[in-house]
Amino acid sequence: MATPTQVYLNGAVSLVTSRQYLAALGKLFVVTNPSPGTAVAFANNVAYSATANGLWCISNNNPTGGATIQVDRLKLIQTAVAPANNLQLRAEIFNETGIVALTGTASARTPVNVNPGSGNVTGAIVTTFAAGAGTIAAAAGTRRFIGSMSLAQGVNIRYDSVTFEFGTDGPSTGKVGVTAVRATDPADQVCWGPVVTIAPQTSSWMNLWGIAPDTNVPSYEFALYYSEI
């Protein structure tokens, strides 16, 4: 049986996946919640807002002509009591020229190179929600709407997890509506998202909200991966 290979844009051939290849080169970074097992409170957003639903923001502070950031994957784990009856989870991605960050109930996070043997540092400035949704500033440059995402849930329960794949080539899993309500059985759900390319001296962010959740405030452990090439 032949060994599977990966072929990259520069013609290189590797026996590992693209993520493993990027990690080996010291080009893959991750941003996580400060304490494993301890969720960070977000907000019970029930409608789209251009300024009030900020989940994360990545700014590429590399000089013009420098490395580009590609957002790869976001994992959210609903660790605390979840908002019930959330028919659909919704999200939007924007990009803007200039260096911007979430403000208000938001915190700066420190990206980690997943390869401990690499000395590469990131040019990214990352802010995420903290004890509430972050605030997105008014437009300071050219703002682009990149795309939206939706994930049918029906109901949230504690320990549900959601994975957003940005620009994946494969299909995301679907959901067939049924009348029974999950009560104690956590689910791992996957959602396809648009390609998110953050050029030097631009910023991208993600909004998150739900349709018809109850009053419980969602709290998440998170892992946000991106490459810098």
Protein backbone atom coordinates (compact mmCIF):
# COMPACT_ATOMS: atom_id res chain seq x y z
CA MET A 1 0.00 0.00 0.00
CA ALA A 2 1.40 3.40 -0.97
CA THR A 3 2.30 5.90 1.73
CA PRO A 4 0.00 8.97 1.57
CA THR A 5 1.71 12.22 0.68
CA GLN A 6 0.85 15.91 0.72
CA VAL A 7 1.85 18.19 -2.17
CA TYR A 8 2.25 21.90 -1.38
CA LEU A 9 2.02 25.01 -3.52
CA ASN A 10 5.80 25.31 -3.82
CA GLY A 11 6.03 21.76 -5.20
CA ALA A 12 7.37 20.23 -2.00
CA VAL A 13 6.16 16.76 -1.12
CA SER A 14 5.72 15.67 2.50
CA LEU A 15 4.56 12.52 4.29
CA VAL A 16 2.73 14.58 6.90
CA THR A 17 -0.42 16.70 6.85
CA SER A 18 -0.34 20.41 6.08
CA ARG A 19 -0.79 21.29 9.77
CA GLN A 20 2.07 18.99 10.80
CA TYR A 21 4.23 20.45 8.04
CA LEU A 22 3.52 24.02 9.17
CA ALA A 23 4.19 23.05 12.80
CA ALA A 24 7.51 21.44 11.84
CA LEU A 25 8.51 24.68 10.11
CA GLY A 26 7.59 26.69 13.22
CA LYS A 27 4.78 28.46 11.36
CA LEU A 28 1.74 27.27 13.37
CA PHE A 29 0.52 29.16 16.45
CA VAL A 30 -2.28 28.69 18.98
CA VAL A 31 -4.16 31.00 21.36
CA THR A 32 -6.00 29.45 24.30
CA ASN A 33 -7.95 30.36 27.42
CA PRO A 34 -5.56 31.02 30.33
CA SER A 35 -6.48 27.98 32.47
CA PRO A 36 -7.39 24.54 31.04
CA GLY A 37 -10.71 23.36 32.46
CA THR A 38 -11.79 26.91 33.31
CA ALA A 39 -14.15 28.55 30.85
CA VAL A 40 -14.22 32.25 29.98
CA ALA A 41 -17.66 33.89 30.05
CA PHE A 42 -18.85 35.26 26.71
CA ALA A 43 -22.29 36.88 26.31
CA ASN A 44 -25.84 35.85 25.54
CA ASN A 45 -26.05 37.59 22.18
CA VAL A 46 -29.43 37.09 20.49
CA ALA A 47 -28.99 39.16 17.31
CA TYR A 48 -26.32 40.40 14.93
CA SER A 49 -24.39 43.48 16.01
CA ALA A 50 -21.59 45.17 14.08
CA THR A 51 -19.96 46.36 17.30
CA ALA A 52 -21.02 44.26 20.30
CA ASN A 53 -20.51 40.55 19.47
CA GLY A 54 -16.72 40.28 19.27
CA LEU A 55 -15.30 36.80 19.93
CA TRP A 56 -11.71 37.18 18.72
CA CYS A 57 -9.60 39.60 16.71
CA ILE A 58 -6.21 38.98 15.07
CA SER A 59 -4.16 41.90 13.79
CA ASN A 60 -1.15 41.28 11.55
CA ASN A 61 1.53 43.70 12.74
CA ASN A 62 4.14 42.42 10.29
CA PRO A 63 5.46 45.13 7.94
CA THR A 64 3.98 45.49 4.48
CA GLY A 65 5.42 42.71 2.34
CA GLY A 66 5.97 40.50 5.40
CA ALA A 67 4.30 37.28 6.51
CA THR A 68 0.57 36.69 5.98
CA ILE A 69 -1.65 35.10 8.63
CA GLN A 70 -4.11 32.35 7.71
CA VAL A 71 -6.70 31.49 10.36
CA ASP A 72 -6.97 27.72 10.56
CA ARG A 73 -9.35 26.41 13.24
CA LEU A 74 -11.30 27.49 16.31
CA LYS A 75 -12.44 25.06 19.00
CA LEU A 76 -15.04 26.17 21.58
CA ILE A 77 -15.92 23.92 24.53
CA GLN A 78 -19.06 24.88 26.46
CA THR A 79 -17.70 24.10 29.93
CA ALA A 80 -20.23 25.87 32.15
CA VAL A 81 -24.05 25.90 32.12
CA ALA A 82 -25.13 26.45 28.51
CA PRO A 83 -27.93 28.59 27.08
CA ALA A 84 -30.72 26.21 26.15
CA ASN A 85 -32.96 26.30 23.07
CA ASN A 86 -30.34 27.82 20.81
CA LEU A 87 -31.83 26.99 17.42
CA GLN A 88 -28.81 28.19 15.47
CA LEU A 89 -25.34 29.50 16.23
CA ARG A 90 -24.36 32.36 13.89
CA ALA A 91 -21.05 34.06 13.18
CA GLU A 92 -19.52 36.61 10.82
CA ILE A 93 -15.95 37.36 9.74
CA PHE A 94 -14.68 40.83 8.82
CA ASN A 95 -11.35 42.25 7.69
CA GLU A 96 -10.14 45.84 7.91
CA THR A 97 -7.06 47.71 6.82
CA GLY A 98 -5.15 48.89 9.88
CA ILE A 99 -4.34 47.46 13.30
CA VAL A 100 -7.48 47.14 15.44
CA ALA A 101 -8.35 45.15 18.56
CA LEU A 102 -11.35 44.19 20.66
CA THR A 103 -11.98 46.56 23.56
CA GLY A 104 -14.31 46.59 26.58
CA THR A 105 -14.71 43.10 28.05
CA ALA A 106 -11.75 41.73 26.13
CA SER A 107 -8.18 40.70 26.90
CA ALA A 108 -4.92 40.52 24.98
CA ARG A 109 -3.75 36.90 24.58
CA THR A 110 -0.27 35.51 24.00
CA PRO A 111 0.04 33.19 20.97
CA VAL A 112 2.23 30.12 21.42
CA ASN A 113 4.30 28.47 18.70
CA VAL A 114 3.20 24.81 18.74
CA ASN A 115 6.76 23.74 17.88
CA PRO A 116 8.86 24.15 21.06
CA GLY A 117 12.04 23.76 19.03
CA SER A 118 11.30 26.76 16.83
CA GLY A 119 12.51 30.25 17.60
CA ASN A 120 9.94 31.86 15.31
CA VAL A 121 7.84 34.57 16.91
CA THR A 122 4.54 35.87 15.65
CA GLY A 123 3.67 39.28 14.32
CA ALA A 124 0.05 38.81 15.41
CA ILE A 125 -1.73 40.87 18.04
CA VAL A 126 -4.59 38.77 19.42
CA THR A 127 -7.52 39.84 21.60
CA THR A 128 -10.45 37.66 22.68
CA PHE A 129 -13.62 37.91 24.74
CA ALA A 130 -13.17 38.08 28.53
CA ALA A 131 -16.10 38.12 30.95
CA GLY A 132 -18.29 39.27 28.08
CA ALA A 133 -18.22 39.90 24.35
CA GLY A 134 -15.58 42.27 23.03
CA THR A 135 -16.45 45.63 21.49
CA ILE A 136 -15.50 46.26 17.86
CA ALA A 137 -14.42 49.81 17.13
CA ALA A 138 -15.92 51.93 14.38
CA ALA A 139 -14.27 51.50 11.00
CA ALA A 140 -10.84 53.11 10.78
CA GLY A 141 -9.91 51.81 7.32
CA THR A 142 -11.41 49.77 4.49
CA ARG A 143 -13.73 47.21 6.08
CA ARG A 144 -14.65 44.02 4.22
CA PHE A 145 -17.31 41.44 5.09
CA ILE A 146 -15.64 38.07 4.44
CA GLY A 147 -18.49 35.67 5.13
CA SER A 148 -20.98 34.22 7.58
CA MET A 149 -21.35 30.85 9.29
CA SER A 150 -24.29 28.99 10.78
CA LEU A 151 -24.61 25.83 12.82
CA ALA A 152 -27.99 24.27 13.60
CA GLN A 153 -27.99 23.20 17.25
CA GLY A 154 -31.55 23.03 18.53
CA VAL A 155 -30.28 23.07 22.09
CA ASN A 156 -26.98 23.57 23.92
CA ILE A 157 -25.86 21.50 26.85
CA ARG A 158 -22.83 21.56 29.08
CA TYR A 159 -19.67 20.13 27.46
CA ASP A 160 -20.90 20.59 23.90
CA SER A 161 -18.02 21.57 21.62
CA VAL A 162 -18.05 23.46 18.35
CA THR A 163 -15.20 23.50 15.81
CA PHE A 164 -15.02 26.17 13.12
CA GLU A 165 -12.84 25.15 10.17
CA PHE A 166 -11.73 28.16 8.14
CA GLY A 167 -11.27 27.47 4.45
CA THR A 168 -11.34 23.69 4.78
CA ASP A 169 -11.60 21.69 1.57
CA GLY A 170 -13.81 18.99 3.06
CA PRO A 171 -17.51 19.13 3.94
CA SER A 172 -18.71 19.92 7.44
CA THR A 173 -21.10 17.60 9.22
CA GLY A 174 -24.83 18.26 8.95
CA LYS A 175 -27.74 18.02 11.36
CA VAL A 176 -31.15 16.48 10.77
CA GLY A 177 -33.91 18.06 12.85
CA VAL A 178 -35.77 15.76 15.23
CA THR A 179 -38.31 16.33 17.97
CA ALA A 180 -36.28 14.81 20.80
CA VAL A 181 -34.17 17.20 22.87
CA ARG A 182 -30.67 16.25 23.97
CA ALA A 183 -30.62 16.42 27.76
CA THR A 184 -27.30 15.01 28.95
CA ASP A 185 -25.47 13.85 25.83
CA PRO A 186 -22.79 16.37 24.73
CA ALA A 187 -22.13 16.72 21.02
CA ASP A 188 -19.06 17.56 18.96
CA GLN A 189 -20.24 19.83 16.14
CA VAL A 190 -18.32 21.11 13.12
CA CYS A 191 -18.96 24.20 11.03
CA TRP A 192 -17.30 25.25 7.77
CA GLY A 193 -16.11 28.86 7.61
CA PRO A 194 -14.67 31.12 4.90
CA VAL A 195 -10.98 31.44 4.13
CA VAL A 196 -9.57 34.11 6.46
CA THR A 197 -6.40 35.75 5.13
CA ILE A 198 -4.94 38.56 7.23
CA ALA A 199 -2.39 40.51 5.20
CA PRO A 200 0.28 42.62 6.92
CA GLN A 201 -1.15 45.74 8.55
CA THR A 202 -4.73 44.45 8.43
CA SER A 203 -7.00 42.87 11.06
CA SER A 204 -9.77 40.28 11.08
CA TRP A 205 -12.34 39.43 13.72
CA MET A 206 -15.25 37.09 14.39
CA ASN A 207 -18.70 37.90 15.76
CA LEU A 208 -20.78 35.22 17.52
CA TRP A 209 -24.46 35.13 18.43
CA GLY A 210 -27.43 32.75 18.61
CA ILE A 211 -31.05 32.50 17.56
CA ALA A 212 -33.50 32.10 20.45
CA PRO A 213 -31.18 31.02 23.29
CA ASP A 214 -32.45 31.37 26.85
CA THR A 215 -30.88 33.68 29.43
CA ASN A 216 -27.94 31.47 30.46
CA VAL A 217 -24.61 33.07 29.53
CA PRO A 218 -22.32 30.80 27.48
CA SER A 219 -18.78 30.21 28.76
CA TYR A 220 -16.07 28.64 26.66
CA GLU A 221 -12.68 27.06 26.77
CA PHE A 222 -11.12 27.85 23.41
CA ALA A 223 -8.21 27.09 21.10
CA LEU A 224 -7.62 29.32 18.07
CA TYR A 225 -5.02 28.15 15.52
CA TYR A 226 -3.41 30.15 12.75
CA SER A 227 -0.38 29.91 10.49
CA GLU A 228 2.01 32.70 9.59
CA ILE A 229 3.74 32.27 6.24
